[in-house]
Every structure is written in structure tokens, then in C-alpha cells.
Amino acid sequence: MTATARERIEMRVSPEVKSLAERAAAAMGCSSLTEFVTGLIREHAPNILAKQTTIELTNAQFDNFLAVCNDQTLQPSKILLKAAKRLDREGY
């Protein structure tokens, strides 16, 4: 069997925070604080990251976005062109 690499996270918290975490871990049936914290990370981190990478628009906003994208008479500003070049350099 291949050994799984383990990383370590060290934290310093107040006694009140530790007690609160221990009580919550016990209430959830976790065998340790590690299991409790790991569960919280697995549950919440994907949603947090998704919010950072997702743009939500109303139908009206999306329709306006498409109209602007399809408008052949509009030209990008110097600032927008500079931003696009930077993104290209960074590999996006």
C-alpha cells in the first residue's frame, strides 16, 4: 500500500475558540478536531472558491453583455487593451 502524504496545519486559538470547536466536533460526532476542521474545509472551501471564479448575471444584464459584445461599432479602450495584453502575458 502506498503511503499518503500528509500536510500539517498549525493554529493558535483562544481557549474559548478551542472549547467551542471541541463542543461542535462532539455534537457532529467527529472523533477529533482534525476530523471536524477537515470536514469544514471540504464542505465550505469549494463554495468559497466557486464564488471567486463565477459571475452571476440577471437575464437583462446578460442580454446587455451580449449586445455590447456583438456591437461592431464599439472599440476597446486603451485600458482594456492593456489589461488584455497583461492577461495574455500571464497565460489566461
PDB file of N, CA and C in Angstrom:
ATOM      1  N   MET A   1       0.838  -1.178   0.000  1.00  0.00           N
ATOM      2  CA  MET A   1       0.000   0.000   0.000  1.00  0.00           C
ATOM      3  C   MET A   1       0.883   1.242   0.000  1.00  0.00           C
ATOM      4  N   THR A   2       0.536   2.214  -0.828  1.00  0.00           N
ATOM      5  CA  THR A   2       1.283   3.452  -0.923  1.00  0.00           C
ATOM      6  C   THR A   2       0.915   4.374   0.235  1.00  0.00           C
ATOM      7  N   ALA A   3       1.931   4.939   0.858  1.00  0.00           N
ATOM      8  CA  ALA A   3       1.680   5.876   1.960  1.00  0.00           C
ATOM      9  C   ALA A   3       1.144   7.188   1.405  1.00  0.00           C
ATOM     10  N   THR A   4       0.159   7.744   2.084  1.00  0.00           N
ATOM     11  CA  THR A   4      -0.424   9.023   1.687  1.00  0.00           C
ATOM     12  C   THR A   4       0.351  10.145   2.360  1.00  0.00           C
ATOM     13  N   ALA A   5       0.776  11.118   1.563  1.00  0.00           N
ATOM     14  CA  ALA A   5       1.472  12.270   2.132  1.00  0.00           C
ATOM     15  C   ALA A   5       0.491  13.082   2.954  1.00  0.00           C
ATOM     16  N   ARG A   6       0.940  13.556   4.070  1.00  0.00           N
ATOM     17  CA  ARG A   6       0.087  14.366   4.932  1.00  0.00           C
ATOM     18  C   ARG A   6       0.739  15.723   5.130  1.00  0.00           C
ATOM     19  N   GLU A   7      -0.060  16.753   5.044  1.00  0.00           N
ATOM     20  CA  GLU A   7       0.395  18.113   5.322  1.00  0.00           C
ATOM     21  C   GLU A   7      -0.115  18.488   6.701  1.00  0.00           C
ATOM     22  N   ARG A   8       0.526  19.453   7.297  1.00  0.00           N
ATOM     23  CA  ARG A   8       0.165  19.872   8.636  1.00  0.00           C
ATOM     24  C   ARG A   8      -0.289  21.330   8.609  1.00  0.00           C
ATOM     25  N   ILE A   9      -1.340  21.617   9.344  1.00  0.00           N
ATOM     26  CA  ILE A   9      -1.807  22.990   9.550  1.00  0.00           C
ATOM     27  C   ILE A   9      -1.734  23.251  11.048  1.00  0.00           C
ATOM     28  N   GLU A  10      -0.998  24.258  11.421  1.00  0.00           N
ATOM     29  CA  GLU A  10      -0.893  24.604  12.839  1.00  0.00           C
ATOM     30  C   GLU A  10      -1.671  25.883  13.093  1.00  0.00           C
ATOM     31  N   MET A  11      -2.395  25.896  14.198  1.00  0.00           N
ATOM     32  CA  MET A  11      -3.215  27.054  14.539  1.00  0.00           C
ATOM     33  C   MET A  11      -3.068  27.376  16.015  1.00  0.00           C
ATOM     34  N   ARG A  12      -3.134  28.637  16.317  1.00  0.00           N
ATOM     35  CA  ARG A  12      -3.209  29.075  17.709  1.00  0.00           C
ATOM     36  C   ARG A  12      -4.544  29.791  17.864  1.00  0.00           C
ATOM     37  N   VAL A  13      -5.322  29.326  18.819  1.00  0.00           N
ATOM     38  CA  VAL A  13      -6.636  29.914  19.058  1.00  0.00           C
ATOM     39  C   VAL A  13      -6.814  30.137  20.558  1.00  0.00           C
ATOM     40  N   SER A  14      -7.764  30.955  20.886  1.00  0.00           N
ATOM     41  CA  SER A  14      -8.051  31.210  22.300  1.00  0.00           C
ATOM     42  C   SER A  14      -8.690  29.960  22.911  1.00  0.00           C
ATOM     43  N   PRO A  15      -8.624  29.838  24.224  1.00  0.00           N
ATOM     44  CA  PRO A  15      -9.280  28.706  24.882  1.00  0.00           C
ATOM     45  C   PRO A  15     -10.779  28.633  24.563  1.00  0.00           C
ATOM     46  N   GLU A  16     -11.412  29.791  24.425  1.00  0.00           N
ATOM     47  CA  GLU A  16     -12.851  29.809  24.124  1.00  0.00           C
ATOM     48  C   GLU A  16     -13.135  29.220  22.746  1.00  0.00           C
ATOM     49  N   VAL A  17     -12.297  29.583  21.768  1.00  0.00           N
ATOM     50  CA  VAL A  17     -12.487  29.063  20.403  1.00  0.00           C
ATOM     51  C   VAL A  17     -12.232  27.561  20.384  1.00  0.00           C
ATOM     52  N   LYS A  18     -11.205  27.116  21.087  1.00  0.00           N
ATOM     53  CA  LYS A  18     -10.909  25.681  21.118  1.00  0.00           C
ATOM     54  C   LYS A  18     -12.063  24.912  21.756  1.00  0.00           C
ATOM     55  N   SER A  19     -12.577  25.433  22.877  1.00  0.00           N
ATOM     56  CA  SER A  19     -13.697  24.783  23.559  1.00  0.00           C
ATOM     57  C   SER A  19     -14.925  24.724  22.657  1.00  0.00           C
ATOM     58  N   LEU A  20     -15.203  25.821  21.971  1.00  0.00           N
ATOM     59  CA  LEU A  20     -16.337  25.866  21.044  1.00  0.00           C
ATOM     60  C   LEU A  20     -16.171  24.830  19.937  1.00  0.00           C
ATOM     61  N   ALA A  21     -14.966  24.751  19.369  1.00  0.00           N
ATOM     62  CA  ALA A  21     -14.695  23.784  18.303  1.00  0.00           C
ATOM     63  C   ALA A  21     -14.827  22.355  18.818  1.00  0.00           C
ATOM     64  N   GLU A  22     -14.335  22.080  20.007  1.00  0.00           N
ATOM     65  CA  GLU A  22     -14.432  20.729  20.579  1.00  0.00           C
ATOM     66  C   GLU A  22     -15.886  20.343  20.811  1.00  0.00           C
ATOM     67  N   ARG A  23     -16.680  21.282  21.306  1.00  0.00           N
ATOM     68  CA  ARG A  23     -18.105  21.001  21.531  1.00  0.00           C
ATOM     69  C   ARG A  23     -18.826  20.760  20.212  1.00  0.00           C
ATOM     70  N   ALA A  24     -18.531  21.570  19.219  1.00  0.00           N
ATOM     71  CA  ALA A  24     -19.171  21.395  17.908  1.00  0.00           C
ATOM     72  C   ALA A  24     -18.741  20.073  17.273  1.00  0.00           C
ATOM     73  N   ALA A  25     -17.455  19.736  17.401  1.00  0.00           N
ATOM     74  CA  ALA A  25     -16.963  18.469  16.853  1.00  0.00           C
ATOM     75  C   ALA A  25     -17.681  17.298  17.499  1.00  0.00           C
ATOM     76  N   ALA A  26     -17.827  17.347  18.799  1.00  0.00           N
ATOM     77  CA  ALA A  26     -18.533  16.279  19.511  1.00  0.00           C
ATOM     78  C   ALA A  26     -19.996  16.206  19.081  1.00  0.00           C
ATOM     79  N   ALA A  27     -20.629  17.364  18.934  1.00  0.00           N
ATOM     80  CA  ALA A  27     -22.032  17.399  18.515  1.00  0.00           C
ATOM     81  C   ALA A  27     -22.224  16.802  17.128  1.00  0.00           C
ATOM     82  N   MET A  28     -21.211  16.933  16.279  1.00  0.00           N
ATOM     83  CA  MET A  28     -21.301  16.373  14.922  1.00  0.00           C
ATOM     84  C   MET A  28     -20.835  14.925  14.866  1.00  0.00           C
ATOM     85  N   GLY A  29     -20.355  14.402  15.980  1.00  0.00           N
ATOM     86  CA  GLY A  29     -19.903  13.018  16.011  1.00  0.00           C
ATOM     87  C   GLY A  29     -18.501  12.820  15.464  1.00  0.00           C
ATOM     88  N   CYS A  30     -17.720  13.873  15.412  1.00  0.00           N
ATOM     89  CA  CYS A  30     -16.341  13.770  14.934  1.00  0.00           C
ATOM     90  C   CYS A  30     -15.469  13.182  16.041  1.00  0.00           C
ATOM     91  N   SER A  31     -14.518  12.381  15.639  1.00  0.00           N
ATOM     92  CA  SER A  31     -13.637  11.756  16.626  1.00  0.00           C
ATOM     93  C   SER A  31     -12.484  12.661  17.048  1.00  0.00           C
ATOM     94  N   SER A  32     -12.264  13.755  16.318  1.00  0.00           N
ATOM     95  CA  SER A  32     -11.165  14.658  16.643  1.00  0.00           C
ATOM     96  C   SER A  32     -11.428  16.042  16.065  1.00  0.00           C
ATOM     97  N   LEU A  33     -10.660  17.006  16.558  1.00  0.00           N
ATOM     98  CA  LEU A  33     -10.728  18.347  15.978  1.00  0.00           C
ATOM     99  C   LEU A  33     -10.242  18.328  14.535  1.00  0.00           C
ATOM    100  N   THR A  34      -9.267  17.486  14.247  1.00  0.00           N
ATOM    101  CA  THR A  34      -8.768  17.365  12.878  1.00  0.00           C
ATOM    102  C   THR A  34      -9.887  16.931  11.940  1.00  0.00           C
ATOM    103  N   GLU A  35     -10.648  15.933  12.346  1.00  0.00           N
ATOM    104  CA  GLU A  35     -11.767  15.467  11.517  1.00  0.00           C
ATOM    105  C   GLU A  35     -12.804  16.581  11.332  1.00  0.00           C
ATOM    106  N   PHE A  36     -13.067  17.319  12.400  1.00  0.00           N
ATOM    107  CA  PHE A  36     -14.039  18.408  12.356  1.00  0.00           C
ATOM    108  C   PHE A  36     -13.579  19.518  11.406  1.00  0.00           C
ATOM    109  N   VAL A  37     -12.354  19.990  11.580  1.00  0.00           N
ATOM    110  CA  VAL A  37     -11.838  21.079  10.753  1.00  0.00           C
ATOM    111  C   VAL A  37     -11.713  20.638   9.303  1.00  0.00           C
ATOM    112  N   THR A  38     -11.237  19.423   9.078  1.00  0.00           N
ATOM    113  CA  THR A  38     -11.124  18.901   7.714  1.00  0.00           C
ATOM    114  C   THR A  38     -12.498  18.849   7.044  1.00  0.00           C
ATOM    115  N   GLY A  39     -13.496  18.424   7.782  1.00  0.00           N
ATOM    116  CA  GLY A  39     -14.857  18.389   7.235  1.00  0.00           C
ATOM    117  C   GLY A  39     -15.362  19.770   6.866  1.00  0.00           C
ATOM    118  N   LEU A  40     -15.087  20.749   7.727  1.00  0.00           N
ATOM    119  CA  LEU A  40     -15.498  22.122   7.422  1.00  0.00           C
ATOM    120  C   LEU A  40     -14.812  22.636   6.165  1.00  0.00           C
ATOM    121  N   ILE A  41     -13.524  22.356   6.041  1.00  0.00           N
ATOM    122  CA  ILE A  41     -12.791  22.807   4.858  1.00  0.00           C
ATOM    123  C   ILE A  41     -13.354  22.157   3.603  1.00  0.00           C
ATOM    124  N   ARG A  42     -13.554  20.852   3.643  1.00  0.00           N
ATOM    125  CA  ARG A  42     -14.083  20.148   2.463  1.00  0.00           C
ATOM    126  C   ARG A  42     -15.479  20.636   2.090  1.00  0.00           C
ATOM    127  N   GLU A  43     -16.271  20.977   3.102  1.00  0.00           N
ATOM    128  CA  GLU A  43     -17.649  21.422   2.851  1.00  0.00           C
ATOM    129  C   GLU A  43     -17.712  22.848   2.320  1.00  0.00           C
ATOM    130  N   HIS A  44     -16.915  23.731   2.880  1.00  0.00           N
ATOM    131  CA  HIS A  44     -17.059  25.153   2.567  1.00  0.00           C
ATOM    132  C   HIS A  44     -16.084  25.690   1.522  1.00  0.00           C
ATOM    133  N   ALA A  45     -14.897  25.147   1.447  1.00  0.00           N
ATOM    134  CA  ALA A  45     -13.884  25.696   0.533  1.00  0.00           C
ATOM    135  C   ALA A  45     -14.335  25.677  -0.931  1.00  0.00           C
ATOM    136  N   PRO A  46     -14.935  24.591  -1.433  1.00  0.00           N
ATOM    137  CA  PRO A  46     -15.359  24.626  -2.841  1.00  0.00           C
ATOM    138  C   PRO A  46     -16.350  25.749  -3.154  1.00  0.00           C
ATOM    139  N   ASN A  47     -17.276  26.021  -2.248  1.00  0.00           N
ATOM    140  CA  ASN A  47     -18.241  27.105  -2.478  1.00  0.00           C
ATOM    141  C   ASN A  47     -17.564  28.467  -2.451  1.00  0.00           C
ATOM    142  N   ILE A  48     -16.628  28.645  -1.537  1.00  0.00           N
ATOM    143  CA  ILE A  48     -15.899  29.907  -1.454  1.00  0.00           C
ATOM    144  C   ILE A  48     -15.114  30.139  -2.736  1.00  0.00           C
ATOM    145  N   LEU A  49     -14.428  29.104  -3.208  1.00  0.00           N
ATOM    146  CA  LEU A  49     -13.647  29.228  -4.440  1.00  0.00           C
ATOM    147  C   LEU A  49     -14.543  29.439  -5.656  1.00  0.00           C
ATOM    148  N   ALA A  50     -15.684  28.783  -5.686  1.00  0.00           N
ATOM    149  CA  ALA A  50     -16.612  28.955  -6.809  1.00  0.00           C
ATOM    150  C   ALA A  50     -17.106  30.400  -6.886  1.00  0.00           C
ATOM    151  N   LYS A  51     -17.352  31.004  -5.736  1.00  0.00           N
ATOM    152  CA  LYS A  51     -17.799  32.403  -5.725  1.00  0.00           C
ATOM    153  C   LYS A  51     -16.739  33.337  -6.280  1.00  0.00           C
ATOM    154  N   GLN A  52     -15.471  32.953  -6.152  1.00  0.00           N
ATOM    155  CA  GLN A  52     -14.381  33.782  -6.662  1.00  0.00           C
ATOM    156  C   GLN A  52     -14.185  33.619  -8.163  1.00  0.00           C
ATOM    157  N   THR A  53     -14.730  32.562  -8.742  1.00  0.00           N
ATOM    158  CA  THR A  53     -14.493  32.280 -10.158  1.00  0.00           C
ATOM    159  C   THR A  53     -15.762  32.305 -10.998  1.00  0.00           C
ATOM    160  N   THR A  54     -16.878  32.681 -10.396  1.00  0.00           N
ATOM    161  CA  THR A  54     -18.160  32.673 -11.099  1.00  0.00           C
ATOM    162  C   THR A  54     -18.754  34.072 -11.124  1.00  0.00           C
ATOM    163  N   ILE A  55     -19.297  34.430 -12.259  1.00  0.00           N
ATOM    164  CA  ILE A  55     -20.001  35.700 -12.382  1.00  0.00           C
ATOM    165  C   ILE A  55     -21.474  35.378 -12.632  1.00  0.00           C
ATOM    166  N   GLU A  56     -22.333  35.909 -11.788  1.00  0.00           N
ATOM    167  CA  GLU A  56     -23.766  35.684 -11.963  1.00  0.00           C
ATOM    168  C   GLU A  56     -24.421  36.971 -12.447  1.00  0.00           C
ATOM    169  N   LEU A  57     -25.205  36.840 -13.506  1.00  0.00           N
ATOM    170  CA  LEU A  57     -25.901  37.990 -14.090  1.00  0.00           C
ATOM    171  C   LEU A  57     -27.389  37.715 -14.155  1.00  0.00           C
ATOM    172  N   THR A  58     -28.160  38.787 -14.114  1.00  0.00           N
ATOM    173  CA  THR A  58     -29.584  38.653 -14.395  1.00  0.00           C
ATOM    174  C   THR A  58     -29.733  38.448 -15.903  1.00  0.00           C
ATOM    175  N   ASN A  59     -30.901  38.057 -16.340  1.00  0.00           N
ATOM    176  CA  ASN A  59     -31.137  37.906 -17.778  1.00  0.00           C
ATOM    177  C   ASN A  59     -30.921  39.229 -18.513  1.00  0.00           C
ATOM    178  N   ALA A  60     -31.369  40.316 -17.904  1.00  0.00           N
ATOM    179  CA  ALA A  60     -31.200  41.630 -18.534  1.00  0.00           C
ATOM    180  C   ALA A  60     -29.718  41.992 -18.648  1.00  0.00           C
ATOM    181  N   GLN A  61     -28.951  41.724 -17.605  1.00  0.00           N
ATOM    182  CA  GLN A  61     -27.519  42.011 -17.647  1.00  0.00           C
ATOM    183  C   GLN A  61     -26.828  41.174 -18.721  1.00  0.00           C
ATOM    184  N   PHE A  62     -27.210  39.906 -18.813  1.00  0.00           N
ATOM    185  CA  PHE A  62     -26.601  39.037 -19.820  1.00  0.00           C
ATOM    186  C   PHE A  62     -26.968  39.499 -21.229  1.00  0.00           C
ATOM    187  N   ASP A  63     -28.226  39.877 -21.427  1.00  0.00           N
ATOM    188  CA  ASP A  63     -28.658  40.380 -22.737  1.00  0.00           C
ATOM    189  C   ASP A  63     -27.868  41.635 -23.116  1.00  0.00           C
ATOM    190  N   ASN A  64     -27.667  42.531 -22.145  1.00  0.00           N
ATOM    191  CA  ASN A  64     -26.883  43.741 -22.388  1.00  0.00           C
ATOM    192  C   ASN A  64     -25.438  43.382 -22.717  1.00  0.00           C
ATOM    193  N   PHE A  65     -24.869  42.436 -22.001  1.00  0.00           N
ATOM    194  CA  PHE A  65     -23.498  41.980 -22.255  1.00  0.00           C
ATOM    195  C   PHE A  65     -23.367  41.458 -23.683  1.00  0.00           C
ATOM    196  N   LEU A  66     -24.313  40.618 -24.106  1.00  0.00           N
ATOM    197  CA  LEU A  66     -24.266  40.085 -25.470  1.00  0.00           C
ATOM    198  C   LEU A  66     -24.408  41.194 -26.508  1.00  0.00           C
ATOM    199  N   ALA A  67     -25.268  42.152 -26.231  1.00  0.00           N
ATOM    200  CA  ALA A  67     -25.451  43.257 -27.178  1.00  0.00           C
ATOM    201  C   ALA A  67     -24.159  44.049 -27.339  1.00  0.00           C
ATOM    202  N   VAL A  68     -23.477  44.305 -26.240  1.00  0.00           N
ATOM    203  CA  VAL A  68     -22.215  45.044 -26.306  1.00  0.00           C
ATOM    204  C   VAL A  68     -21.163  44.213 -27.044  1.00  0.00           C
ATOM    205  N   CYS A  69     -21.111  42.923 -26.763  1.00  0.00           N
ATOM    206  CA  CYS A  69     -20.134  42.048 -27.434  1.00  0.00           C
ATOM    207  C   CYS A  69     -20.366  41.997 -28.943  1.00  0.00           C
ATOM    208  N   ASN A  70     -21.608  42.047 -29.343  1.00  0.00           N
ATOM    209  CA  ASN A  70     -21.946  41.922 -30.761  1.00  0.00           C
ATOM    210  C   ASN A  70     -21.961  43.259 -31.506  1.00  0.00           C
ATOM    211  N   ASP A  71     -21.790  44.355 -30.784  1.00  0.00           N
ATOM    212  CA  ASP A  71     -21.806  45.682 -31.408  1.00  0.00           C
ATOM    213  C   ASP A  71     -20.470  45.930 -32.109  1.00  0.00           C
ATOM    214  N   GLN A  72     -20.465  45.871 -33.434  1.00  0.00           N
ATOM    215  CA  GLN A  72     -19.245  46.012 -34.229  1.00  0.00           C
ATOM    216  C   GLN A  72     -18.706  47.442 -34.243  1.00  0.00           C
ATOM    217  N   THR A  73     -19.512  48.415 -33.814  1.00  0.00           N
ATOM    218  CA  THR A  73     -19.073  49.810 -33.853  1.00  0.00           C
ATOM    219  C   THR A  73     -18.242  50.199 -32.632  1.00  0.00           C
ATOM    220  N   LEU A  74     -18.286  49.399 -31.581  1.00  0.00           N
ATOM    221  CA  LEU A  74     -17.544  49.720 -30.359  1.00  0.00           C
ATOM    222  C   LEU A  74     -16.088  49.286 -30.485  1.00  0.00           C
ATOM    223  N   GLN A  75     -15.191  50.084 -29.949  1.00  0.00           N
ATOM    224  CA  GLN A  75     -13.759  49.776 -29.930  1.00  0.00           C
ATOM    225  C   GLN A  75     -13.292  49.697 -28.475  1.00  0.00           C
ATOM    226  N   PRO A  76     -12.396  48.756 -28.180  1.00  0.00           N
ATOM    227  CA  PRO A  76     -11.906  48.664 -26.798  1.00  0.00           C
ATOM    228  C   PRO A  76     -11.059  49.888 -26.434  1.00  0.00           C
ATOM    229  N   SER A  77     -11.147  50.264 -25.176  1.00  0.00           N
ATOM    230  CA  SER A  77     -10.357  51.405 -24.692  1.00  0.00           C
ATOM    231  C   SER A  77      -8.901  50.986 -24.516  1.00  0.00           C
ATOM    232  N   LYS A  78      -8.027  51.981 -24.349  1.00  0.00           N
ATOM    233  CA  LYS A  78      -6.609  51.688 -24.134  1.00  0.00           C
ATOM    234  C   LYS A  78      -6.413  50.874 -22.854  1.00  0.00           C
ATOM    235  N   ILE A  79      -7.181  51.196 -21.846  1.00  0.00           N
ATOM    236  CA  ILE A  79      -7.077  50.471 -20.572  1.00  0.00           C
ATOM    237  C   ILE A  79      -7.475  49.004 -20.759  1.00  0.00           C
ATOM    238  N   LEU A  80      -8.543  48.764 -21.507  1.00  0.00           N
ATOM    239  CA  LEU A  80      -8.986  47.398 -21.752  1.00  0.00           C
ATOM    240  C   LEU A  80      -7.960  46.629 -22.574  1.00  0.00           C
ATOM    241  N   LEU A  81      -7.377  47.263 -23.588  1.00  0.00           N
ATOM    242  CA  LEU A  81      -6.348  46.606 -24.393  1.00  0.00           C
ATOM    243  C   LEU A  81      -5.126  46.273 -23.549  1.00  0.00           C
ATOM    244  N   LYS A  82      -4.749  47.186 -22.657  1.00  0.00           N
ATOM    245  CA  LYS A  82      -3.608  46.950 -21.769  1.00  0.00           C
ATOM    246  C   LYS A  82      -3.899  45.760 -20.836  1.00  0.00           C
ATOM    247  N   ALA A  83      -5.110  45.698 -20.315  1.00  0.00           N
ATOM    248  CA  ALA A  83      -5.488  44.586 -19.439  1.00  0.00           C
ATOM    249  C   ALA A  83      -5.472  43.265 -20.199  1.00  0.00           C
ATOM    250  N   ALA A  84      -5.953  43.264 -21.439  1.00  0.00           N
ATOM    251  CA  ALA A  84      -5.960  42.046 -22.252  1.00  0.00           C
ATOM    252  C   ALA A  84      -4.538  41.566 -22.528  1.00  0.00           C
ATOM    253  N   LYS A  85      -3.634  42.505 -22.821  1.00  0.00           N
ATOM    254  CA  LYS A  85      -2.231  42.128 -23.061  1.00  0.00           C
ATOM    255  C   LYS A  85      -1.613  41.528 -21.805  1.00  0.00           C
ATOM    256  N   ARG A  86      -1.940  42.102 -20.672  1.00  0.00           N
ATOM    257  CA  ARG A  86      -1.407  41.569 -19.408  1.00  0.00           C
ATOM    258  C   ARG A  86      -1.921  40.149 -19.172  1.00  0.00           C
ATOM    259  N   LEU A  87      -3.192  39.932 -19.408  1.00  0.00           N
ATOM    260  CA  LEU A  87      -3.750  38.586 -19.246  1.00  0.00           C
ATOM    261  C   LEU A  87      -3.079  37.596 -20.199  1.00  0.00           C
ATOM    262  N   ASP A  88      -2.813  38.030 -21.414  1.00  0.00           N
ATOM    263  CA  ASP A  88      -2.109  37.170 -22.369  1.00  0.00           C
ATOM    264  C   ASP A  88      -0.722  36.802 -21.861  1.00  0.00           C
ATOM    265  N   ARG A  89      -0.001  37.789 -21.340  1.00  0.00           N
ATOM    266  CA  ARG A  89       1.340  37.539 -20.803  1.00  0.00           C
ATOM    267  C   ARG A  89       1.291  36.549 -19.633  1.00  0.00           C
ATOM    268  N   GLU A  90       0.241  36.639 -18.837  1.00  0.00           N
ATOM    269  CA  GLU A  90       0.108  35.791 -17.645  1.00  0.00           C
ATOM    270  C   GLU A  90      -0.480  34.419 -17.980  1.00  0.00           C
ATOM    271  N   GLY A  91      -0.827  34.205 -19.254  1.00  0.00           N
ATOM    272  CA  GLY A  91      -1.297  32.893 -19.655  1.00  0.00           C
ATOM    273  C   GLY A  91      -2.783  32.631 -19.502  1.00  0.00           C
ATOM    274  N   TYR A  92      -3.580  33.676 -19.435  1.00  0.00           N
ATOM    275  CA  TYR A  92      -5.035  33.475 -19.309  1.00  0.00           C
ATOM    276  C   TYR A  92      -5.690  33.523 -20.652  1.00  0.00           C
TER     277      TYR A  92
END
